[in-house]
Amino acid sequence: MAHPLTELTGSWTGPARTWLDPTGGEPDVGDWRVQIESLLDGRYARLRYDGVCTGKLHHGEMTLGVDDHEHTLYWIDTFHTGASPLWSTGPAGPAVSVLGSYRAGDQRWGWRTAFRRDGDELVIEATNIEPSGEETRAIEVRLTRVTAA
């Protein structure tokens, strides 16, 4: 089964909004440059990106897989994930939405990542989930395909 994002191979760019204030303050806005490639005969899609958040350059990579039962995501970067990768899973199907968790002190917090198309844009949305279950916006990236000039 080919991953739904493999049809989006190529270069993408666009603004990323990152909410660092859980009380709903204004998001930090920076640009992301993303390269999407198909791996292993389309079974996986890899997104490599460079972005800016709080004025600092960061780099990251997401590898997404899918089988008959679930989507998987393995995410590492130099800003959000620290030294621990984020592993997430979600139901298989055309919609890509996965849920994982990370440790913050002695508690585990949830993290949902969703990928969707909005017209010509690829939208990546992430939601932070407190141990109490309360959800807050974390990241929204709106990417457009880079066309050759």
Protein backbone atom coordinates (compact mmCIF):
# COMPACT_ATOMS: atom_id res chain seq x y z
CA MET A 1 0.00 0.00 0.00
CA ALA A 2 1.45 3.38 -1.00
CA HIS A 3 1.47 6.14 1.58
CA PRO A 4 -0.99 8.98 0.71
CA LEU A 5 1.76 11.61 1.01
CA THR A 6 4.01 9.97 -1.59
CA GLU A 7 1.96 11.69 -4.30
CA LEU A 8 3.22 14.99 -2.87
CA THR A 9 6.92 14.39 -3.51
CA GLY A 10 8.95 17.49 -4.22
CA SER A 11 9.75 20.82 -2.60
CA TRP A 12 7.29 22.82 -0.51
CA THR A 13 7.51 26.07 1.43
CA GLY A 14 5.29 28.13 3.67
CA PRO A 15 4.64 29.74 7.02
CA ALA A 16 4.64 27.82 10.28
CA ARG A 17 2.77 29.12 13.27
CA THR A 18 3.90 27.73 16.63
CA TRP A 19 1.92 28.42 19.80
CA LEU A 20 4.40 28.52 22.69
CA ASP A 21 1.95 30.10 25.16
CA PRO A 22 -0.66 27.54 26.26
CA THR A 23 -2.99 30.35 27.38
CA GLY A 24 -3.64 31.29 23.76
CA GLY A 25 -1.12 34.05 23.10
CA GLU A 26 -0.03 35.00 19.61
CA PRO A 27 1.93 32.29 17.77
CA ASP A 28 5.54 32.58 16.70
CA VAL A 29 5.62 32.71 12.88
CA GLY A 30 8.51 31.44 10.77
CA ASP A 31 9.04 29.89 7.36
CA TRP A 32 9.54 26.19 6.65
CA ARG A 33 11.19 24.64 3.61
CA VAL A 34 10.13 21.01 3.16
CA GLN A 35 11.31 18.24 0.88
CA ILE A 36 8.99 15.23 0.54
CA GLU A 37 10.32 11.99 -0.89
CA SER A 38 8.93 8.51 -1.39
CA LEU A 39 10.82 5.64 0.25
CA LEU A 40 10.82 1.88 -0.32
CA ASP A 41 8.48 1.70 -3.29
CA GLY A 42 6.05 4.23 -1.81
CA ARG A 43 5.44 2.44 1.48
CA TYR A 44 6.90 5.43 3.33
CA ALA A 45 6.99 9.19 2.85
CA ARG A 46 9.81 11.24 4.37
CA LEU A 47 9.50 14.96 5.05
CA ARG A 48 12.76 16.77 5.73
CA TYR A 49 12.48 20.39 6.75
CA ASP A 50 14.30 23.51 7.83
CA GLY A 51 12.39 26.13 9.74
CA VAL A 52 12.67 29.10 12.03
CA CYS A 53 11.05 29.34 15.46
CA THR A 54 11.77 32.02 18.05
CA GLY A 55 14.30 33.42 15.59
CA LYS A 56 16.39 30.23 15.58
CA LEU A 57 16.97 27.86 12.68
CA HIS A 58 15.93 24.27 13.28
CA HIS A 59 15.92 21.09 11.21
CA GLY A 60 13.75 18.02 11.33
CA GLU A 61 12.53 14.89 9.69
CA MET A 62 9.27 12.95 9.75
CA THR A 63 9.02 9.46 8.32
CA LEU A 64 5.46 8.25 7.74
CA GLY A 65 4.38 4.73 6.98
CA VAL A 66 1.09 2.96 6.40
CA ASP A 67 -0.11 -0.63 6.24
CA ASP A 68 -3.57 -2.20 6.14
CA HIS A 69 -4.18 -1.26 9.79
CA GLU A 70 -2.43 1.97 10.75
CA HIS A 71 -0.44 5.06 9.86
CA THR A 72 2.85 5.52 11.69
CA LEU A 73 5.02 8.59 12.23
CA TYR A 74 8.59 8.82 13.51
CA TRP A 75 9.55 12.47 14.15
CA ILE A 76 12.88 14.00 15.18
CA ASP A 77 14.01 17.61 15.09
CA THR A 78 16.28 20.11 16.76
CA PHE A 79 13.51 22.25 18.32
CA HIS A 80 10.40 20.28 19.31
CA THR A 81 11.51 16.73 20.09
CA GLY A 82 14.82 17.24 21.88
CA ALA A 83 16.81 14.02 22.26
CA SER A 84 13.73 11.77 22.23
CA PRO A 85 11.97 10.89 18.98
CA LEU A 86 8.19 11.05 18.87
CA TRP A 87 6.49 7.83 17.74
CA SER A 88 2.82 8.14 16.78
CA THR A 89 0.15 5.90 15.27
CA GLY A 90 -3.35 6.29 13.88
CA PRO A 91 -5.91 4.35 11.85
CA ALA A 92 -5.14 3.56 8.20
CA GLY A 93 -7.10 5.35 5.52
CA PRO A 94 -6.89 8.40 3.28
CA ALA A 95 -6.84 10.79 6.29
CA VAL A 96 -3.48 10.94 8.05
CA SER A 97 -3.87 11.68 11.76
CA VAL A 98 -1.59 10.09 14.32
CA LEU A 99 -1.31 10.27 18.10
CA GLY A 100 1.80 9.89 20.22
CA SER A 101 3.07 11.01 23.59
CA TYR A 102 6.15 12.55 25.16
CA ARG A 103 7.51 12.97 28.65
CA ALA A 104 7.47 16.40 30.32
CA GLY A 105 8.96 16.04 33.79
CA ASP A 106 7.24 13.10 35.45
CA GLN A 107 4.12 13.31 33.26
CA ARG A 108 3.21 12.07 29.79
CA TRP A 109 1.60 14.53 27.40
CA GLY A 110 -0.17 13.62 24.16
CA TRP A 111 0.67 14.98 20.71
CA ARG A 112 -1.58 14.64 17.65
CA THR A 113 -0.21 15.33 14.17
CA ALA A 114 -2.54 15.58 11.16
CA PHE A 115 -1.80 16.10 7.48
CA ARG A 116 -4.46 17.36 5.08
CA ARG A 117 -4.89 19.10 1.76
CA ASP A 118 -6.56 22.53 1.60
CA GLY A 119 -6.81 23.33 -2.09
CA ASP A 120 -3.24 23.50 -3.38
CA GLU A 121 -1.79 23.63 0.14
CA LEU A 122 -0.49 20.84 2.32
CA VAL A 123 -1.42 21.61 5.92
CA ILE A 124 0.33 20.04 8.90
CA GLU A 125 -1.43 20.59 12.22
CA ALA A 126 -0.22 19.53 15.64
CA THR A 127 -2.14 19.55 18.89
CA ASN A 128 -0.66 19.34 22.38
CA ILE A 129 -2.70 17.25 24.84
CA GLU A 130 -2.20 17.87 28.56
CA PRO A 131 -2.29 14.91 30.98
CA SER A 132 -5.77 16.17 32.00
CA GLY A 133 -6.94 15.71 28.39
CA GLU A 134 -7.17 19.43 27.57
CA GLU A 135 -6.06 20.11 23.99
CA THR A 136 -4.29 23.23 22.71
CA ARG A 137 -3.00 24.23 19.30
CA ALA A 138 0.72 23.66 18.92
CA ILE A 139 1.74 24.03 15.26
CA GLU A 140 0.11 24.86 11.93
CA VAL A 141 2.22 24.77 8.77
CA ARG A 142 0.66 25.79 5.43
CA LEU A 143 2.82 24.64 2.54
CA THR A 144 2.64 25.35 -1.17
CA ARG A 145 4.56 23.41 -3.79
CA VAL A 146 7.67 25.08 -5.13
CA THR A 147 7.47 25.19 -8.92
CA ALA A 148 10.50 25.32 -11.17
CA ALA A 149 11.07 28.78 -12.60
